[in-house]
Protein backbone atom coordinates (compact mmCIF):
# COMPACT_ATOMS: atom_id res chain seq x y z
CA MET A 1 111.17 58.48 119.28
CA ARG A 2 108.68 61.19 120.16
CA GLU A 3 105.98 60.17 122.60
CA HIS A 4 103.22 61.96 124.49
CA ILE A 5 104.05 62.98 128.02
CA PRO A 6 100.86 63.11 130.02
CA LYS A 7 100.29 65.71 132.64
CA ARG A 8 98.76 63.56 135.41
CA HIS A 9 100.13 65.41 138.42
CA LEU A 10 97.77 68.42 137.84
CA ASP A 11 100.56 70.96 138.70
CA PHE A 12 100.21 73.10 135.59
CA ASP A 13 102.35 75.96 137.03
CA ASN A 14 105.60 74.01 137.14
CA PRO A 15 107.28 72.17 134.30
CA ILE A 16 107.25 68.39 134.10
CA GLN A 17 110.17 66.71 135.88
CA THR A 18 111.20 63.84 133.72
CA ASN A 19 114.21 62.49 131.85
CA LYS A 20 112.42 62.47 128.50
CA VAL A 21 113.54 64.84 125.78
CA PHE A 22 111.02 67.46 124.63
CA ASP A 23 111.02 68.61 121.06
CA ASN A 24 110.06 72.06 119.70
CA THR A 25 106.43 71.54 118.63
CA ASN A 26 106.20 74.78 116.72
CA ALA A 27 109.39 73.97 114.74
CA ARG A 28 108.18 70.37 114.12
CA ILE A 29 104.84 71.58 112.79
CA TYR A 30 105.81 74.73 110.84
CA GLY A 31 109.49 74.03 110.23
CA GLY A 32 112.61 75.67 111.64
CA LYS A 33 112.96 79.38 111.87
CA VAL A 34 114.44 80.95 108.74
CA SER A 35 116.98 83.65 109.58
CA THR A 36 117.21 85.19 106.08
CA SER A 37 115.60 88.45 105.15
CA MET A 38 112.15 88.02 103.84
CA GLN A 39 112.13 91.20 101.80
CA PRO A 40 111.24 90.73 98.16
CA THR A 41 113.79 91.62 95.53
CA SER A 42 111.18 93.73 93.70
CA SER A 43 111.42 96.31 96.51
CA ASP A 44 114.89 97.21 95.24
CA TRP A 45 113.85 97.76 91.64
CA GLY A 46 113.18 101.31 90.41
CA THR A 47 114.37 103.05 93.53
CA GLY A 48 116.81 105.32 91.74
CA ARG A 49 114.37 107.76 90.05
CA ASN A 50 110.67 108.36 90.28
CA PRO A 51 109.36 110.06 87.14
CA ALA A 52 106.25 111.31 89.10
CA SER A 53 108.57 113.50 91.14
CA GLU A 54 108.97 115.82 88.11
CA ILE A 55 105.22 116.54 87.90
CA PRO A 56 104.64 120.04 89.35
CA ARG A 57 102.58 119.90 92.50
CA VAL A 58 101.28 123.46 92.06
CA GLY A 59 99.68 124.94 88.90
CA LEU A 60 100.99 128.02 87.06
CA ARG A 61 98.20 130.26 88.38
CA THR A 62 99.03 129.36 91.97
CA GLN A 63 102.75 129.83 91.39
CA ALA A 64 102.13 133.37 89.92
CA PHE A 65 99.86 134.25 92.84
CA GLU A 66 102.45 133.06 95.34
CA GLN A 67 105.19 135.05 93.63
CA MET A 68 102.99 138.19 93.73
CA ILE A 69 102.38 137.76 97.44
CA ALA A 70 106.08 137.13 98.06
CA ALA A 71 106.94 140.31 96.15
CA GLN A 72 104.40 142.30 98.20
CA VAL A 73 105.81 140.91 101.48
CA ALA A 74 109.39 141.72 100.36
CA ALA A 75 108.33 145.31 99.51
CA GLU A 76 106.70 145.72 102.92
CA ILE A 77 109.77 144.38 104.66
CA LYS A 78 111.96 146.78 102.66
CA GLU A 79 109.69 149.71 103.56
CA LYS A 80 109.94 148.91 107.28
CA GLN A 81 113.69 148.55 107.06
CA ASP A 82 113.98 151.96 105.21
CA GLU A 83 111.73 153.52 107.84
CA GLN A 84 113.94 152.16 110.64
CA GLU A 85 117.05 153.50 108.88
CA ARG A 86 115.52 156.95 108.50
CA GLN A 87 114.64 157.05 112.17
CA LEU A 88 118.17 156.12 113.21
CA GLN A 89 119.69 158.93 111.09
């Protein structure tokens, strides 16, 4: 039977020296610890494909502008490489 163990010795730093059995108060009040995973099953649903991933993140006008800049950069790089080859010959 559980019974209260009074702390009359006023030594709060050291544990009580007695032959009485202590129970786990937290487990008695809230129940024993559950070792199973507490992740909901709904977190596994729909993880295969997200239809929102197919929505373009950039508009057509921005894509065309980026392609134009990429073409200009490629042309400049080609000019520099041609100039270096002419200097080596």
